[in-house]
């Protein structure tokens, strides 16, 4: 699996690099992700924190819960990353902000306990009521 990935926000102010395979990828159905993104789901890749580097720009941060900090572009508002103290050696990156998101394979659904009842997406994937860390 590819080890080097890059991405950034819509306006180009923020750029990042990942030097790790993207093999832990999940569709998140939680209500916090919906509110922060404005979308029905957010698809995240969880990677080792030491494999992630901001290349350009400085993101703004927002504490969306007691354990989570989200990082977004201060100019265009794109949400790019999430850090949780529940897994302090990793960081989550929004797949949609990768330069080549079509190359990624989603592995599971998380937080399906709060999934919108009318959303049916990838029914063959395993589901977690919340998220197993």
C-alpha atoms as a PDB file:
ATOM      1  CA  UNK A   1       0.000   0.000   0.000  1.00  0.00           C
ATOM      2  CA  UNK A   2       1.160   3.524  -0.815  1.00  0.00           C
ATOM      3  CA  UNK A   3       3.149   5.126   2.018  1.00  0.00           C
ATOM      4  CA  UNK A   4       3.289   8.784   0.944  1.00  0.00           C
ATOM      5  CA  UNK A   5       0.140  10.923   0.695  1.00  0.00           C
ATOM      6  CA  UNK A   6      -0.544  14.638   0.498  1.00  0.00           C
ATOM      7  CA  UNK A   7      -3.569  16.853   0.745  1.00  0.00           C
ATOM      8  CA  UNK A   8      -4.899  20.243   1.655  1.00  0.00           C
ATOM      9  CA  UNK A   9      -7.851  22.529   2.015  1.00  0.00           C
ATOM     10  CA  UNK A  10     -10.075  23.963  -0.719  1.00  0.00           C
ATOM     11  CA  UNK A  11      -8.342  27.350  -0.988  1.00  0.00           C
ATOM     12  CA  UNK A  12      -4.784  25.951  -0.842  1.00  0.00           C
ATOM     13  CA  UNK A  13      -3.732  27.805   2.305  1.00  0.00           C
ATOM     14  CA  UNK A  14      -3.114  24.539   4.204  1.00  0.00           C
ATOM     15  CA  UNK A  15      -1.129  21.565   2.917  1.00  0.00           C
ATOM     16  CA  UNK A  16      -0.130  18.378   4.718  1.00  0.00           C
ATOM     17  CA  UNK A  17       1.845  15.178   4.168  1.00  0.00           C
ATOM     18  CA  UNK A  18       1.301  11.659   5.477  1.00  0.00           C
ATOM     19  CA  UNK A  19       4.092   9.094   5.458  1.00  0.00           C
ATOM     20  CA  UNK A  20       2.172   5.947   6.337  1.00  0.00           C
ATOM     21  CA  UNK A  21      -0.281   3.576   4.676  1.00  0.00           C
ATOM     22  CA  UNK A  22      -3.931   4.573   4.943  1.00  0.00           C
ATOM     23  CA  UNK A  23      -5.396   1.271   6.059  1.00  0.00           C
ATOM     24  CA  UNK A  24      -7.627   2.343   8.980  1.00  0.00           C
ATOM     25  CA  UNK A  25     -10.356   4.261   7.175  1.00  0.00           C
ATOM     26  CA  UNK A  26     -13.897   4.668   8.500  1.00  0.00           C
ATOM     27  CA  UNK A  27     -17.142   6.426   7.665  1.00  0.00           C
ATOM     28  CA  UNK A  28     -18.109   8.311  10.844  1.00  0.00           C
ATOM     29  CA  UNK A  29     -21.827   8.791  11.456  1.00  0.00           C
ATOM     30  CA  UNK A  30     -21.624  10.806  14.692  1.00  0.00           C
ATOM     31  CA  UNK A  31     -23.689  13.935  15.098  1.00  0.00           C
ATOM     32  CA  UNK A  32     -20.604  16.019  15.957  1.00  0.00           C
ATOM     33  CA  UNK A  33     -18.959  15.206  12.603  1.00  0.00           C
ATOM     34  CA  UNK A  34     -22.212  16.062  10.842  1.00  0.00           C
ATOM     35  CA  UNK A  35     -22.423  19.450  12.557  1.00  0.00           C
ATOM     36  CA  UNK A  36     -18.729  20.264  12.009  1.00  0.00           C
ATOM     37  CA  UNK A  37     -18.682  19.252   8.346  1.00  0.00           C
ATOM     38  CA  UNK A  38     -22.217  20.016   7.219  1.00  0.00           C
ATOM     39  CA  UNK A  39     -22.299  16.562   5.609  1.00  0.00           C
ATOM     40  CA  UNK A  40     -24.114  13.321   6.369  1.00  0.00           C
ATOM     41  CA  UNK A  41     -20.836  11.524   7.226  1.00  0.00           C
ATOM     42  CA  UNK A  42     -17.139  12.292   7.508  1.00  0.00           C
ATOM     43  CA  UNK A  43     -14.691   9.675   6.275  1.00  0.00           C
ATOM     44  CA  UNK A  44     -11.497   9.570   8.321  1.00  0.00           C
ATOM     45  CA  UNK A  45      -8.133   7.829   8.009  1.00  0.00           C
ATOM     46  CA  UNK A  46      -6.427   7.185  11.330  1.00  0.00           C
ATOM     47  CA  UNK A  47      -2.644   7.367  11.098  1.00  0.00           C
ATOM     48  CA  UNK A  48       0.292   7.509  13.502  1.00  0.00           C
ATOM     49  CA  UNK A  49       0.740  11.065  14.771  1.00  0.00           C
ATOM     50  CA  UNK A  50       4.443  10.994  13.918  1.00  0.00           C
ATOM     51  CA  UNK A  51       3.597  10.199  10.251  1.00  0.00           C
ATOM     52  CA  UNK A  52       1.705  13.498   9.791  1.00  0.00           C
ATOM     53  CA  UNK A  53       3.236  16.898   8.968  1.00  0.00           C
ATOM     54  CA  UNK A  54       1.709  20.275   8.180  1.00  0.00           C
ATOM     55  CA  UNK A  55       3.635  21.505   5.122  1.00  0.00           C
ATOM     56  CA  UNK A  56       2.070  24.905   4.600  1.00  0.00           C
ATOM     57  CA  UNK A  57      -0.058  27.265   6.624  1.00  0.00           C
ATOM     58  CA  UNK A  58      -1.259  27.115  10.185  1.00  0.00           C
ATOM     59  CA  UNK A  59      -4.630  25.516  10.917  1.00  0.00           C
ATOM     60  CA  UNK A  60      -7.111  26.846  13.438  1.00  0.00           C
ATOM     61  CA  UNK A  61      -8.341  24.464  16.084  1.00  0.00           C
ATOM     62  CA  UNK A  62     -11.694  23.852  17.685  1.00  0.00           C
ATOM     63  CA  UNK A  63     -12.397  21.679  20.744  1.00  0.00           C
ATOM     64  CA  UNK A  64     -15.531  19.871  19.609  1.00  0.00           C
ATOM     65  CA  UNK A  65     -15.743  17.736  22.760  1.00  0.00           C
ATOM     66  CA  UNK A  66     -13.844  17.087  25.984  1.00  0.00           C
ATOM     67  CA  UNK A  67     -11.546  14.646  24.174  1.00  0.00           C
ATOM     68  CA  UNK A  68     -11.404  15.939  20.572  1.00  0.00           C
ATOM     69  CA  UNK A  69      -9.722  18.847  18.810  1.00  0.00           C
ATOM     70  CA  UNK A  70     -10.514  19.502  15.155  1.00  0.00           C
ATOM     71  CA  UNK A  71      -8.237  21.379  12.767  1.00  0.00           C
ATOM     72  CA  UNK A  72      -9.567  23.470   9.921  1.00  0.00           C
ATOM     73  CA  UNK A  73      -8.499  26.152   7.459  1.00  0.00           C
ATOM     74  CA  UNK A  74      -9.002  29.658   8.854  1.00  0.00           C
ATOM     75  CA  UNK A  75      -9.661  30.942   5.331  1.00  0.00           C
ATOM     76  CA  UNK A  76     -12.004  28.463   3.595  1.00  0.00           C
ATOM     77  CA  UNK A  77     -13.195  26.525   6.659  1.00  0.00           C
ATOM     78  CA  UNK A  78     -12.306  23.044   5.366  1.00  0.00           C
ATOM     79  CA  UNK A  79     -11.993  20.493   8.184  1.00  0.00           C
ATOM     80  CA  UNK A  80      -8.759  18.548   7.721  1.00  0.00           C
ATOM     81  CA  UNK A  81      -7.835  16.707  10.907  1.00  0.00           C
ATOM     82  CA  UNK A  82      -8.961  15.536  14.322  1.00  0.00           C
ATOM     83  CA  UNK A  83      -6.928  14.645  17.406  1.00  0.00           C
ATOM     84  CA  UNK A  84      -8.458  12.723  20.284  1.00  0.00           C
ATOM     85  CA  UNK A  85      -6.943  12.091  23.686  1.00  0.00           C
ATOM     86  CA  UNK A  86      -8.571   8.641  23.518  1.00  0.00           C
ATOM     87  CA  UNK A  87      -5.834   7.700  21.036  1.00  0.00           C
ATOM     88  CA  UNK A  88      -3.025  10.168  21.697  1.00  0.00           C
ATOM     89  CA  UNK A  89      -0.494   8.497  19.400  1.00  0.00           C
ATOM     90  CA  UNK A  90      -2.640   8.965  16.280  1.00  0.00           C
ATOM     91  CA  UNK A  91      -4.423  11.648  14.263  1.00  0.00           C
ATOM     92  CA  UNK A  92      -7.423  11.394  11.942  1.00  0.00           C
ATOM     93  CA  UNK A  93      -7.360  13.002   8.505  1.00  0.00           C
ATOM     94  CA  UNK A  94     -10.427  13.725   6.380  1.00  0.00           C
ATOM     95  CA  UNK A  95     -10.160  11.562   3.283  1.00  0.00           C
ATOM     96  CA  UNK A  96     -11.929  14.176   1.151  1.00  0.00           C
ATOM     97  CA  UNK A  97      -8.970  16.563   1.597  1.00  0.00           C
ATOM     98  CA  UNK A  98      -6.427  14.116   0.136  1.00  0.00           C
ATOM     99  CA  UNK A  99      -5.086  14.902  -3.321  1.00  0.00           C
ATOM    100  CA  UNK A 100      -6.101  11.383  -4.469  1.00  0.00           C
ATOM    101  CA  UNK A 101      -9.043  10.274  -2.286  1.00  0.00           C
ATOM    102  CA  UNK A 102     -10.310   7.852  -4.929  1.00  0.00           C
ATOM    103  CA  UNK A 103      -7.357   5.556  -4.182  1.00  0.00           C
ATOM    104  CA  UNK A 104      -8.464   4.929  -0.580  1.00  0.00           C
ATOM    105  CA  UNK A 105     -10.498   1.923   0.571  1.00  0.00           C
ATOM    106  CA  UNK A 106     -12.974   2.433   3.401  1.00  0.00           C
ATOM    107  CA  UNK A 107     -12.877  -0.414   5.954  1.00  0.00           C
ATOM    108  CA  UNK A 108     -15.760   0.190   8.417  1.00  0.00           C
ATOM    109  CA  UNK A 109     -18.573   2.361   9.751  1.00  0.00           C
ATOM    110  CA  UNK A 110     -18.257   3.970  13.198  1.00  0.00           C
ATOM    111  CA  UNK A 111     -20.791   5.623  15.500  1.00  0.00           C
ATOM    112  CA  UNK A 112     -23.669   3.899  13.693  1.00  0.00           C
ATOM    113  CA  UNK A 113     -25.755   4.359  16.842  1.00  0.00           C
ATOM    114  CA  UNK A 114     -26.294   7.934  15.594  1.00  0.00           C
ATOM    115  CA  UNK A 115     -26.475   7.203  11.851  1.00  0.00           C
ATOM    116  CA  UNK A 116     -29.209   9.023   9.959  1.00  0.00           C
ATOM    117  CA  UNK A 117     -31.949   6.427   9.371  1.00  0.00           C
ATOM    118  CA  UNK A 118     -32.331   7.274   5.688  1.00  0.00           C
ATOM    119  CA  UNK A 119     -28.601   6.981   4.854  1.00  0.00           C
ATOM    120  CA  UNK A 120     -27.582   3.672   3.261  1.00  0.00           C
ATOM    121  CA  UNK A 121     -23.904   3.546   2.332  1.00  0.00           C
ATOM    122  CA  UNK A 122     -21.552   0.572   1.886  1.00  0.00           C
ATOM    123  CA  UNK A 123     -23.822  -1.950   3.673  1.00  0.00           C
ATOM    124  CA  UNK A 124     -21.197  -4.710   3.317  1.00  0.00           C
ATOM    125  CA  UNK A 125     -18.733  -2.947   5.658  1.00  0.00           C
ATOM    126  CA  UNK A 126     -18.464  -3.889   9.344  1.00  0.00           C
ATOM    127  CA  UNK A 127     -20.252  -1.550  11.750  1.00  0.00           C
ATOM    128  CA  UNK A 128     -19.331  -0.327  15.229  1.00  0.00           C
ATOM    129  CA  UNK A 129     -22.067   1.083  17.459  1.00  0.00           C
ATOM    130  CA  UNK A 130     -19.554   3.678  18.702  1.00  0.00           C
ATOM    131  CA  UNK A 131     -15.853   3.337  17.919  1.00  0.00           C
ATOM    132  CA  UNK A 132     -13.440   0.678  19.070  1.00  0.00           C
ATOM    133  CA  UNK A 133     -10.105   2.329  19.849  1.00  0.00           C
END
